[in-house]
Every structure is written in structure tokens, then in C-alpha cells.
Protein backbone atom coordinates (compact mmCIF):
# COMPACT_ATOMS: atom_id res chain seq x y z
CA MET A 1 -42.12 23.68 -44.81
CA ASP A 2 -42.81 20.49 -46.71
CA LYS A 3 -42.99 17.05 -45.11
CA LYS A 4 -39.65 15.86 -46.53
CA THR A 5 -37.80 18.89 -45.14
CA SER A 6 -39.43 18.38 -41.73
CA ILE A 7 -38.26 14.76 -41.59
CA ILE A 8 -34.68 15.76 -42.46
CA ILE A 9 -34.65 18.38 -39.71
CA LEU A 10 -36.00 15.92 -37.14
CA VAL A 11 -33.30 13.37 -38.06
CA ILE A 12 -30.59 16.02 -37.68
CA LEU A 13 -31.96 17.09 -34.29
CA ALA A 14 -32.06 13.46 -33.13
CA ILE A 15 -28.42 12.96 -34.07
CA LEU A 16 -27.40 16.18 -32.34
CA GLY A 17 -29.43 15.17 -29.29
CA THR A 18 -27.48 11.90 -29.01
CA GLY A 19 -24.22 13.78 -29.21
CA TYR A 20 -25.32 16.22 -26.52
CA HIS A 21 -26.26 13.27 -24.30
CA PHE A 22 -22.71 11.95 -24.51
CA LEU A 23 -21.25 15.40 -23.90
CA TRP A 24 -23.35 16.10 -20.84
CA SER A 25 -23.20 12.63 -19.36
CA GLY A 26 -19.47 12.20 -19.98
CA GLU A 27 -20.12 8.90 -21.75
CA SER A 28 -19.14 7.71 -25.19
CA PRO A 29 -18.98 4.35 -26.94
CA GLN A 30 -15.18 4.56 -26.95
CA GLU A 31 -14.93 5.51 -23.28
CA GLU A 32 -16.85 2.45 -22.16
CA GLU A 33 -13.80 0.33 -23.05
CA THR A 34 -11.38 2.46 -21.02
CA LEU A 35 -13.29 3.19 -17.81
CA GLY A 36 -11.26 2.63 -14.64
CA ILE A 37 -7.57 3.18 -13.96
CA VAL A 38 -4.85 3.17 -16.54
CA PRO A 39 -2.55 0.23 -15.74
CA GLY A 40 0.64 1.37 -14.03
CA THR A 41 -0.73 4.63 -12.63
CA SER A 42 -2.36 5.88 -9.48
CA VAL A 43 -5.58 7.83 -9.56
CA GLU A 44 -5.05 11.41 -8.44
CA GLY A 45 -8.05 12.74 -6.57
CA GLY A 46 -10.08 9.63 -7.34
CA ASP A 47 -11.49 6.84 -5.24
CA VAL A 48 -8.68 5.61 -3.01
CA MET A 49 -9.79 2.02 -3.53
CA THR A 50 -8.89 2.18 -7.23
CA ARG A 51 -5.18 2.71 -6.64
CA ILE A 52 -2.82 -0.11 -7.52
CA GLU A 53 -1.24 -0.38 -4.07
CA ILE A 54 -4.57 -0.86 -2.25
CA PRO A 55 -5.25 -4.56 -1.54
CA TYR A 56 -8.68 -6.13 -1.75
CA ARG A 57 -10.09 -7.65 1.37
CA LEU A 58 -13.59 -7.58 2.78
CA GLU A 59 -13.31 -5.37 5.85
CA ASP A 60 -15.40 -6.14 8.90
CA SER A 61 -17.28 -3.54 10.91
CA GLU A 62 -14.35 -3.05 13.27
CA SER A 63 -11.99 -1.80 10.53
CA GLU A 64 -11.60 1.68 9.11
CA ILE A 65 -10.05 2.73 5.80
CA ILE A 66 -8.06 5.92 6.39
CA GLU A 67 -6.26 7.97 3.77
CA HIS A 68 -3.33 10.15 4.78
CA MET A 69 -1.17 12.29 2.54
CA GLY A 70 1.62 9.72 2.24
CA TYR A 71 -0.14 6.40 2.79
CA THR A 72 -3.48 4.66 3.16
CA LEU A 73 -4.31 2.12 5.85
CA SER A 74 -6.98 -0.25 7.05
CA TYR A 75 -7.14 0.10 10.82
CA ASN A 76 -8.22 -2.78 13.04
CA ASN A 77 -10.07 -1.29 16.00
CA ASP A 78 -10.16 -4.65 17.82
CA TYR A 79 -6.39 -5.17 17.69
CA ARG A 80 -5.38 -1.45 17.72
CA VAL A 81 -2.98 -1.99 14.81
CA PRO A 82 -3.33 -1.64 11.02
CA ASN A 83 -4.54 -4.56 8.91
CA TRP A 84 -2.39 -3.15 6.13
CA VAL A 85 -0.61 0.04 5.11
CA ALA A 86 -0.15 0.88 1.43
CA TYR A 87 1.59 3.65 -0.51
CA GLU A 88 3.43 4.47 -3.70
CA LEU A 89 7.01 5.65 -3.19
CA LEU A 90 8.39 7.89 -5.95
CA GLU A 91 12.02 8.58 -6.80
CA THR A 92 11.38 12.28 -6.32
CA GLU A 93 10.12 11.64 -2.80
CA VAL A 94 13.27 9.72 -1.93
CA LEU A 95 15.60 12.32 -3.43
CA THR A 96 13.81 15.30 -1.87
CA GLY A 97 13.38 13.67 1.53
CA TYR A 98 15.05 16.06 3.94
CA ARG A 99 12.65 16.46 6.86
CA SER A 100 14.11 15.53 10.23
CA ARG A 101 12.63 12.55 12.05
CA GLU A 102 9.77 13.42 14.40
CA ASP A 103 10.05 10.62 17.00
CA GLU A 104 6.80 11.70 18.65
CA PHE A 105 4.17 8.98 18.40
CA THR A 106 0.60 10.22 18.66
CA PRO A 107 -2.93 8.79 18.20
CA ASP A 108 -4.36 9.12 14.70
CA PRO A 109 -6.94 11.95 14.68
CA LEU A 110 -8.81 10.25 11.81
CA VAL A 111 -9.43 7.00 13.68
CA LYS A 112 -13.03 7.03 14.84
CA GLY A 113 -12.97 3.87 16.93
CA ARG A 114 -10.70 2.48 19.61
CA GLN A 115 -6.97 2.87 19.09
CA ALA A 116 -3.54 2.54 20.70
CA TYR A 117 -1.74 5.18 22.74
CA ASP A 118 1.97 5.68 23.23
CA ARG A 119 1.78 4.58 26.86
CA ASP A 120 0.71 1.11 25.69
CA TYR A 121 4.21 0.54 24.32
CA VAL A 122 6.15 1.91 27.30
CA GLY A 123 7.93 -0.94 29.11
CA SER A 124 6.32 -3.54 26.83
CA GLY A 125 9.59 -4.90 25.44
CA TYR A 126 8.44 -4.12 21.88
CA ASP A 127 9.43 -1.35 19.48
CA ARG A 128 6.88 0.92 17.88
CA GLY A 129 7.45 -0.63 14.48
CA HIS A 130 6.56 1.59 11.53
CA MET A 131 4.75 0.05 8.59
CA ALA A 132 5.26 3.12 6.37
CA PRO A 133 8.77 4.10 7.56
CA ALA A 134 9.81 7.62 8.48
CA ALA A 135 12.60 7.61 5.88
CA ASP A 136 9.97 7.10 3.13
CA MET A 137 7.90 10.03 4.41
CA ARG A 138 10.55 12.73 4.71
CA TRP A 139 9.40 14.64 1.62
CA SER A 140 6.84 16.67 3.57
CA SER A 141 6.40 17.87 7.12
CA GLN A 142 2.82 16.58 7.01
CA THR A 143 3.79 13.08 5.82
CA MET A 144 6.52 12.93 8.45
CA LYS A 145 4.03 13.80 11.19
CA GLU A 146 1.44 11.34 9.88
CA CYS A 147 3.83 8.41 9.72
CA PHE A 148 4.23 8.71 13.51
CA TYR A 149 0.53 8.18 14.09
CA LEU A 150 0.08 4.99 16.09
CA SER A 151 -2.29 3.70 13.42
CA ASN A 152 0.87 3.16 11.33
CA VAL A 153 2.61 1.21 14.09
CA CYS A 154 2.70 -2.36 15.43
CA PRO A 155 4.48 -3.97 18.40
CA GLN A 156 7.65 -5.26 16.76
CA ASN A 157 10.66 -7.16 18.04
CA HIS A 158 13.57 -4.74 18.35
CA ASN A 159 16.04 -6.97 16.51
CA LEU A 160 13.62 -7.34 13.59
CA ASN A 161 12.82 -3.62 13.54
CA SER A 162 16.48 -2.61 13.45
CA GLY A 163 17.59 -5.61 11.38
CA ALA A 164 15.90 -7.36 8.45
CA TRP A 165 12.82 -5.08 8.43
CA ASN A 166 15.12 -2.06 8.24
CA ASP A 167 17.19 -3.74 5.51
CA LEU A 168 14.09 -4.19 3.36
CA GLU A 169 13.02 -0.59 3.92
CA LYS A 170 16.40 0.55 2.58
CA GLN A 171 16.00 -1.78 -0.38
CA VAL A 172 12.60 -0.25 -1.19
CA ARG A 173 14.12 3.23 -1.37
CA TYR A 174 16.88 1.94 -3.62
CA GLU A 175 14.29 0.38 -5.93
CA ALA A 176 12.22 3.59 -5.99
CA ARG A 177 15.27 5.36 -7.39
CA TYR A 178 15.89 2.56 -9.89
CA TYR A 179 12.29 2.15 -11.15
CA LYS A 180 11.20 5.77 -10.48
CA SER A 181 8.24 4.35 -8.53
CA VAL A 182 7.48 1.36 -6.29
CA TRP A 183 4.10 0.31 -4.91
CA VAL A 184 4.28 -1.02 -1.34
CA VAL A 185 1.78 -2.80 0.89
CA CYS A 186 2.69 -4.23 4.30
CA GLY A 187 1.25 -5.13 7.64
CA PRO A 188 0.98 -7.61 10.51
CA ILE A 189 0.00 -11.28 10.40
CA PHE A 190 -1.91 -12.97 13.22
CA LYS A 191 -1.97 -16.76 13.26
CA TYR A 192 -4.43 -17.12 16.11
CA ASN A 193 -7.65 -15.40 17.18
CA ASN A 194 -6.36 -14.61 20.66
CA PRO A 195 -2.96 -12.94 20.26
CA LYS A 196 -0.72 -11.60 23.00
CA HIS A 197 -1.53 -8.01 24.04
CA ILE A 198 0.38 -5.10 25.52
CA GLY A 199 -0.73 -2.00 27.40
CA SER A 200 -3.98 -0.94 28.99
CA ASN A 201 -5.59 -0.67 25.55
CA HIS A 202 -4.70 -4.29 24.73
CA VAL A 203 -2.66 -3.68 21.59
CA ALA A 204 -2.25 -7.01 19.77
CA VAL A 205 1.24 -8.34 19.13
CA PRO A 206 1.64 -9.77 15.59
CA ASP A 207 3.14 -13.21 15.01
CA SER A 208 4.84 -11.98 11.84
CA PHE A 209 4.88 -9.21 9.24
CA PHE A 210 4.48 -9.09 5.47
CA LYS A 211 5.57 -6.73 2.74
CA ALA A 212 4.87 -6.83 -1.00
CA LEU A 213 6.47 -4.72 -3.71
CA LEU A 214 5.45 -3.97 -7.28
CA ALA A 215 7.33 -1.96 -9.91
CA ARG A 216 7.06 -1.29 -13.62
CA ARG A 217 10.04 -2.29 -15.75
CA LYS A 218 11.31 -0.12 -18.59
CA ASP A 219 9.66 -2.44 -21.14
CA GLY A 220 6.25 -1.84 -19.54
CA SER A 221 5.97 -5.22 -17.80
CA TYR A 222 5.77 -5.57 -14.03
CA ALA A 223 7.98 -7.12 -11.35
CA SER A 224 6.74 -8.12 -7.90
CA ILE A 225 8.03 -9.82 -4.77
CA GLY A 226 6.65 -10.69 -1.33
CA PHE A 227 8.20 -11.22 2.11
CA ILE A 228 7.15 -12.66 5.46
CA PHE A 229 9.24 -12.09 8.60
CA PRO A 230 8.49 -13.73 11.96
CA ASN A 231 8.25 -11.21 14.79
CA ARG A 232 11.68 -12.01 16.16
CA ALA A 233 15.32 -11.49 15.18
CA CYS A 234 15.75 -12.53 11.53
CA GLU A 235 19.44 -12.96 10.84
CA ARG A 236 19.31 -14.57 7.41
CA ASN A 237 19.53 -12.77 4.08
CA LEU A 238 16.37 -11.13 2.74
CA THR A 239 16.05 -13.74 0.00
CA HIS A 240 15.38 -16.36 2.69
CA TYR A 241 12.11 -14.59 3.56
CA ALA A 242 11.13 -13.81 -0.05
CA MET A 243 8.34 -15.45 -2.08
CA THR A 244 6.07 -14.73 -5.01
CA VAL A 245 3.12 -12.45 -4.39
CA ASP A 246 0.84 -15.36 -5.29
CA GLU A 247 2.37 -17.35 -2.42
CA LEU A 248 2.06 -14.36 -0.09
CA GLU A 249 -1.60 -13.87 -1.03
CA ALA A 250 -2.31 -17.51 -0.17
CA GLU A 251 -0.90 -16.90 3.31
CA LEU A 252 -2.78 -13.63 3.83
CA GLY A 253 -6.13 -14.33 2.22
CA MET A 254 -5.80 -10.99 0.42
CA ASP A 255 -5.69 -9.94 -3.21
CA LEU A 256 -2.71 -7.62 -3.53
CA PHE A 257 -2.32 -5.12 -6.39
CA HIS A 258 -5.73 -6.26 -7.65
CA ASN A 259 -6.34 -3.00 -9.54
CA LEU A 260 -3.55 -3.84 -11.96
CA GLU A 261 -4.75 -5.11 -15.33
CA THR A 262 -5.53 -8.81 -14.88
CA ARG A 263 -3.06 -10.36 -17.32
CA ALA A 264 -0.20 -8.16 -16.11
CA GLN A 265 -1.09 -8.93 -12.50
CA ASP A 266 -1.24 -12.69 -13.05
CA LYS A 267 2.13 -12.74 -14.78
CA ALA A 268 3.90 -10.49 -12.29
CA GLU A 269 2.58 -12.18 -9.14
CA ALA A 270 3.41 -15.72 -10.28
CA GLN A 271 7.17 -15.13 -10.35
CA MET A 272 9.89 -13.25 -8.53
CA ASP A 273 13.57 -12.60 -9.18
CA PRO A 274 15.21 -11.17 -6.05
CA TYR A 275 18.57 -10.66 -7.77
CA GLY A 276 17.61 -9.56 -11.29
CA ASP A 277 14.48 -7.50 -10.59
CA TRP A 278 15.21 -6.36 -7.05
CA ARG A 279 19.03 -6.40 -6.82
CA ILE A 280 19.02 -7.87 -3.31
CA ARG A 281 22.59 -8.52 -2.25
CA ASP A 282 23.75 -11.49 -0.25
CA GLU A 283 25.24 -9.40 2.52
CA ILE A 284 23.01 -7.67 5.06
CA LEU A 285 22.51 -3.94 4.57
CA ARG A 286 22.03 -2.60 8.06
CA ASN A 287 25.68 -1.68 8.51
């Protein structure tokens, strides 16, 4: 074999070797531009923290991130309540939701640290207020059972739980049917470092509650809205408690929907249209 032929063969082998590197490593020059989630989708089987509905917040050592079938939560072992609960609600889950309500609250078997027990709520004067509601989790017997874990529950004023909070939960299901999918994140708000407690396990009583919604419009753009409700009877229309997600983030110190593509996120979170995007009616819905 002459020298020229040897050089040609070596060049060909080098080129093939580069190609095999990309094949075996799963990398390519084109893929480097598209790594991460596709905007507007959730990652199936991937890292839970890459999903659109998961907020960004530095968790301290007393918090646990727990993933259940229907929702994900950050659990606060000091306060015995979630920091936040997040999930994506699909139209198909709303339409196929037929499981009967469990009504049996139990400790979360995945919580490794300290947590609440049902006896903490007995005689406390507070409801066991769901963050991910039972009516959103009726599409599976497992999701129904998991939504009654006490890690998904906070001490909540009865009039709020059965009133405005319930109204918004109904609205979320309506929007899931309209948009085919809605991303939801909600949880308690504590204004002070030493909140009121209930029960022998000292479950902290929130001062208020938040909920944020995100949906993808038919034109591919995104709509969002945020809410804060004080932990008492809230008799005014839902729009009274509504705000932009930017405003809500400033109150919470959290970055909500941060896995959404940056430009789409910035645009969606800076505005809200409770009537046009979310069809919130002036009358209350609970009746």
C-alpha cells in the first residue's frame, strides 16, 4: 500500500471515528442547541425539576422534594405542610375522572422527616385543605389515594376551603378542558417566622395561600395568572384576588414556571387577562 493510499484511509477512519463518537455519546452539533425541555411540554420519565410546573426555589435542609403520580411537592418538615404543590392537569384527566372521593387522610409514606398526622387537625377549627384537590385526581385510584396524603394538606379556614378556594379549583378544571392542559402550582404563605400551630405535631397555620396557572393558547403563546387568598372567608369575586405571575413571584420569592423558554415566560408572566384568557365570571361559582 503506497503512502498516499494510507493517508486517505487514515482520513476516512478519522471521520468515521468522529461520527461514532456522536452516535455512542448521544451528542451532535445540532443537538447542543436543543438540549433541555421543549417549551410547552412536560418531560416524561425525566428529571422532575425540568417540568414546567415545578417552581425554582433554593430548598433548605428541612425540605423534601417528593414526586407522586399526580403531583409533585416540596415538603416543609419544620412546618409539617408543603412549601408548594405542582401538577399538570390534562383535559383527559378531567373527563375521565370517575373515582369516588377517599376522605381518608393519611401520612405520606415518602416523607422521610417529621410530618403531620390526622389527629393534629381534629378539633383544631381548621379544614384539611387540599392543595392538589381530590376532583383533579379522580382519574386514577392511586392519584386519588395520594391526594389525601397529609403532605398535600394545610390548615385552612373552612369558609375559604368551601368558598373562593373551591371556586378557583372548579375554574382550573374548566380551563383544562378549554386549553387541553393547565399547569398549576399552589401552596401556603407565611408572613412571620413564628406562625400559629395546631396539634401535638405543631402543624403551622398559613396566613394565606397562593395559586398560579399557566396554559398554552391555540396560537402557541402562553397565558398566566396568579392569586393570593388570605386564610379566612373570601367573599369577593376571584378577580379581586388575581394578579400577574410577576407580582405573585415578588410576594413569594419564587420563580414560577421557570423552565418555560425565557422570552415566552417573561411575556406571559407580565400580564394577565382574567376575563379573556381565563373566562372568570363575575358571579361566584360555588353554588
